[in-house]
């Protein structure tokens, strides 16, 4: 993350907010969020493999939104280098998550790139 005003960071903030809100109620969502939710099954499966001790339904909802965005970017979209995606996810966790969120997100994403390198 270069600055908090970086347009890519702002876009990711908006996506995380929409993914989080989508867990609680239906709303009008943008195309990026629709694309992520369309891959939700694949994304959640990767998250469950990476964080075996935390089933998806037990993960803090904001952490889950950040993970879904990052896993989508890592495994589906593949437009940015993994290090950039992980760094950005950690920054989002610092902004939106709890004290332990950045470490949890870093660990889960680290497991994904370690165990699924052929998909990245």
C-alpha atoms as a PDB file:
ATOM      1  CA  UNK A   1       0.000   0.000   0.000  1.00  0.00           C
ATOM      2  CA  UNK A   2       1.545   3.277  -1.098  1.00  0.00           C
ATOM      3  CA  UNK A   3      -0.907   5.639   0.629  1.00  0.00           C
ATOM      4  CA  UNK A   4      -4.390   5.359   2.116  1.00  0.00           C
ATOM      5  CA  UNK A   5      -5.619   7.360  -0.884  1.00  0.00           C
ATOM      6  CA  UNK A   6      -4.227   4.920  -3.460  1.00  0.00           C
ATOM      7  CA  UNK A   7      -7.118   4.135  -5.846  1.00  0.00           C
ATOM      8  CA  UNK A   8      -6.413   0.391  -5.678  1.00  0.00           C
ATOM      9  CA  UNK A   9      -6.582   0.514  -1.881  1.00  0.00           C
ATOM     10  CA  UNK A  10      -9.830   2.511  -2.000  1.00  0.00           C
ATOM     11  CA  UNK A  11     -11.297  -0.068  -4.422  1.00  0.00           C
ATOM     12  CA  UNK A  12     -10.326  -2.896  -2.081  1.00  0.00           C
ATOM     13  CA  UNK A  13     -11.825  -1.053   0.905  1.00  0.00           C
ATOM     14  CA  UNK A  14     -15.128  -0.752  -0.962  1.00  0.00           C
ATOM     15  CA  UNK A  15     -15.075  -4.444  -1.905  1.00  0.00           C
ATOM     16  CA  UNK A  16     -14.362  -5.520   1.685  1.00  0.00           C
ATOM     17  CA  UNK A  17     -17.198  -3.330   2.958  1.00  0.00           C
ATOM     18  CA  UNK A  18     -19.631  -4.809   0.424  1.00  0.00           C
ATOM     19  CA  UNK A  19     -18.511  -8.384   1.092  1.00  0.00           C
ATOM     20  CA  UNK A  20     -18.965  -7.783   4.814  1.00  0.00           C
ATOM     21  CA  UNK A  21     -22.417  -6.252   4.361  1.00  0.00           C
ATOM     22  CA  UNK A  22     -23.470  -9.074   2.029  1.00  0.00           C
ATOM     23  CA  UNK A  23     -23.096 -11.504   4.957  1.00  0.00           C
ATOM     24  CA  UNK A  24     -25.983  -9.786   6.752  1.00  0.00           C
ATOM     25  CA  UNK A  25     -28.441  -8.536   4.164  1.00  0.00           C
ATOM     26  CA  UNK A  26     -29.141  -8.245   0.483  1.00  0.00           C
ATOM     27  CA  UNK A  27     -28.075  -5.014  -1.075  1.00  0.00           C
ATOM     28  CA  UNK A  28     -27.074  -3.535  -4.382  1.00  0.00           C
ATOM     29  CA  UNK A  29     -23.488  -4.611  -5.006  1.00  0.00           C
ATOM     30  CA  UNK A  30     -20.974  -3.670  -7.659  1.00  0.00           C
ATOM     31  CA  UNK A  31     -19.600  -5.945 -10.364  1.00  0.00           C
ATOM     32  CA  UNK A  32     -16.377  -6.686  -8.451  1.00  0.00           C
ATOM     33  CA  UNK A  33     -18.299  -7.948  -5.438  1.00  0.00           C
ATOM     34  CA  UNK A  34     -20.586 -10.021  -7.681  1.00  0.00           C
ATOM     35  CA  UNK A  35     -17.536 -11.644  -9.273  1.00  0.00           C
ATOM     36  CA  UNK A  36     -16.123 -12.560  -5.864  1.00  0.00           C
ATOM     37  CA  UNK A  37     -19.446 -13.915  -4.591  1.00  0.00           C
ATOM     38  CA  UNK A  38     -19.842 -15.965  -7.783  1.00  0.00           C
ATOM     39  CA  UNK A  39     -16.627 -17.791  -6.808  1.00  0.00           C
ATOM     40  CA  UNK A  40     -17.538 -18.017  -3.111  1.00  0.00           C
ATOM     41  CA  UNK A  41     -17.579 -21.833  -3.023  1.00  0.00           C
ATOM     42  CA  UNK A  42     -14.054 -22.136  -4.470  1.00  0.00           C
ATOM     43  CA  UNK A  43     -12.760 -19.273  -2.320  1.00  0.00           C
ATOM     44  CA  UNK A  44     -14.255 -20.648   0.900  1.00  0.00           C
ATOM     45  CA  UNK A  45     -12.848 -24.098   0.147  1.00  0.00           C
ATOM     46  CA  UNK A  46      -9.355 -22.605  -0.176  1.00  0.00           C
ATOM     47  CA  UNK A  47      -9.840 -20.668   3.074  1.00  0.00           C
ATOM     48  CA  UNK A  48     -10.949 -23.821   4.919  1.00  0.00           C
ATOM     49  CA  UNK A  49      -7.872 -25.700   3.687  1.00  0.00           C
ATOM     50  CA  UNK A  50      -5.599 -22.828   4.737  1.00  0.00           C
ATOM     51  CA  UNK A  51      -7.153 -22.300   8.185  1.00  0.00           C
ATOM     52  CA  UNK A  52      -8.223 -25.815   9.162  1.00  0.00           C
ATOM     53  CA  UNK A  53      -8.821 -24.927  12.802  1.00  0.00           C
ATOM     54  CA  UNK A  54     -11.273 -22.172  11.799  1.00  0.00           C
ATOM     55  CA  UNK A  55     -14.328 -23.232   9.764  1.00  0.00           C
ATOM     56  CA  UNK A  56     -15.550 -20.433   7.493  1.00  0.00           C
ATOM     57  CA  UNK A  57     -18.741 -19.994   9.520  1.00  0.00           C
ATOM     58  CA  UNK A  58     -16.634 -19.363  12.666  1.00  0.00           C
ATOM     59  CA  UNK A  59     -14.272 -16.759  11.169  1.00  0.00           C
ATOM     60  CA  UNK A  60     -14.912 -13.143  12.137  1.00  0.00           C
ATOM     61  CA  UNK A  61     -17.045 -11.698   9.304  1.00  0.00           C
ATOM     62  CA  UNK A  62     -14.717  -8.790   8.505  1.00  0.00           C
ATOM     63  CA  UNK A  63     -11.706 -11.128   8.436  1.00  0.00           C
ATOM     64  CA  UNK A  64     -13.685 -13.423   6.158  1.00  0.00           C
ATOM     65  CA  UNK A  65     -14.493 -10.549   3.791  1.00  0.00           C
ATOM     66  CA  UNK A  66     -10.797  -9.593   3.629  1.00  0.00           C
ATOM     67  CA  UNK A  67      -9.783 -13.213   3.063  1.00  0.00           C
ATOM     68  CA  UNK A  68     -12.380 -13.691   0.326  1.00  0.00           C
ATOM     69  CA  UNK A  69     -11.116 -10.639  -1.521  1.00  0.00           C
ATOM     70  CA  UNK A  70      -7.471 -11.685  -1.179  1.00  0.00           C
ATOM     71  CA  UNK A  71      -8.095 -15.316  -2.152  1.00  0.00           C
ATOM     72  CA  UNK A  72     -10.108 -14.146  -5.168  1.00  0.00           C
ATOM     73  CA  UNK A  73      -7.222 -11.916  -6.208  1.00  0.00           C
ATOM     74  CA  UNK A  74      -4.684 -14.709  -5.627  1.00  0.00           C
ATOM     75  CA  UNK A  75      -6.465 -17.678  -7.207  1.00  0.00           C
ATOM     76  CA  UNK A  76      -8.978 -16.260  -9.665  1.00  0.00           C
ATOM     77  CA  UNK A  77      -8.057 -12.771 -10.797  1.00  0.00           C
ATOM     78  CA  UNK A  78      -4.244 -13.149 -10.693  1.00  0.00           C
ATOM     79  CA  UNK A  79      -3.547  -9.546 -11.747  1.00  0.00           C
ATOM     80  CA  UNK A  80      -1.167  -8.607  -8.912  1.00  0.00           C
ATOM     81  CA  UNK A  81       1.866 -10.378  -7.452  1.00  0.00           C
ATOM     82  CA  UNK A  82       1.006 -12.486  -4.368  1.00  0.00           C
ATOM     83  CA  UNK A  83       3.180 -10.309  -2.104  1.00  0.00           C
ATOM     84  CA  UNK A  84       1.196  -7.200  -3.080  1.00  0.00           C
ATOM     85  CA  UNK A  85      -2.125  -8.945  -2.454  1.00  0.00           C
ATOM     86  CA  UNK A  86      -1.028 -10.262   0.944  1.00  0.00           C
ATOM     87  CA  UNK A  87       0.445  -6.908   2.017  1.00  0.00           C
ATOM     88  CA  UNK A  88      -2.771  -5.162   1.041  1.00  0.00           C
ATOM     89  CA  UNK A  89      -4.906  -7.747   2.886  1.00  0.00           C
ATOM     90  CA  UNK A  90      -2.817  -7.211   6.023  1.00  0.00           C
ATOM     91  CA  UNK A  91      -3.287  -3.445   5.746  1.00  0.00           C
ATOM     92  CA  UNK A  92      -7.055  -3.924   5.400  1.00  0.00           C
ATOM     93  CA  UNK A  93      -6.995  -6.197   8.461  1.00  0.00           C
ATOM     94  CA  UNK A  94      -5.203  -3.482  10.427  1.00  0.00           C
ATOM     95  CA  UNK A  95      -7.864  -0.958   9.373  1.00  0.00           C
ATOM     96  CA  UNK A  96     -10.986  -3.071   9.800  1.00  0.00           C
ATOM     97  CA  UNK A  97     -10.097  -6.104  11.885  1.00  0.00           C
ATOM     98  CA  UNK A  98      -9.267  -6.869  15.464  1.00  0.00           C
ATOM     99  CA  UNK A  99      -5.838  -6.953  17.076  1.00  0.00           C
ATOM    100  CA  UNK A 100      -5.097 -10.508  15.913  1.00  0.00           C
ATOM    101  CA  UNK A 101      -6.641 -10.129  12.451  1.00  0.00           C
ATOM    102  CA  UNK A 102      -3.456  -9.143  10.571  1.00  0.00           C
ATOM    103  CA  UNK A 103      -1.553 -12.187  11.862  1.00  0.00           C
ATOM    104  CA  UNK A 104      -4.480 -14.533  11.129  1.00  0.00           C
ATOM    105  CA  UNK A 105      -4.892 -13.187   7.580  1.00  0.00           C
ATOM    106  CA  UNK A 106      -1.152 -13.335   6.952  1.00  0.00           C
ATOM    107  CA  UNK A 107      -1.013 -16.939   8.157  1.00  0.00           C
ATOM    108  CA  UNK A 108      -4.014 -18.088   6.134  1.00  0.00           C
ATOM    109  CA  UNK A 109      -2.806 -16.425   2.930  1.00  0.00           C
ATOM    110  CA  UNK A 110       0.723 -17.727   3.528  1.00  0.00           C
ATOM    111  CA  UNK A 111      -0.713 -21.247   3.744  1.00  0.00           C
ATOM    112  CA  UNK A 112      -2.575 -20.738   0.487  1.00  0.00           C
ATOM    113  CA  UNK A 113       0.478 -19.644  -1.475  1.00  0.00           C
ATOM    114  CA  UNK A 114       2.548 -22.426   0.102  1.00  0.00           C
ATOM    115  CA  UNK A 115       0.041 -25.222  -0.516  1.00  0.00           C
ATOM    116  CA  UNK A 116      -1.556 -24.020  -3.755  1.00  0.00           C
ATOM    117  CA  UNK A 117       1.426 -22.592  -5.723  1.00  0.00           C
ATOM    118  CA  UNK A 118       0.257 -24.216  -8.967  1.00  0.00           C
ATOM    119  CA  UNK A 119      -2.957 -22.160  -8.820  1.00  0.00           C
ATOM    120  CA  UNK A 120      -1.204 -18.832  -8.277  1.00  0.00           C
END
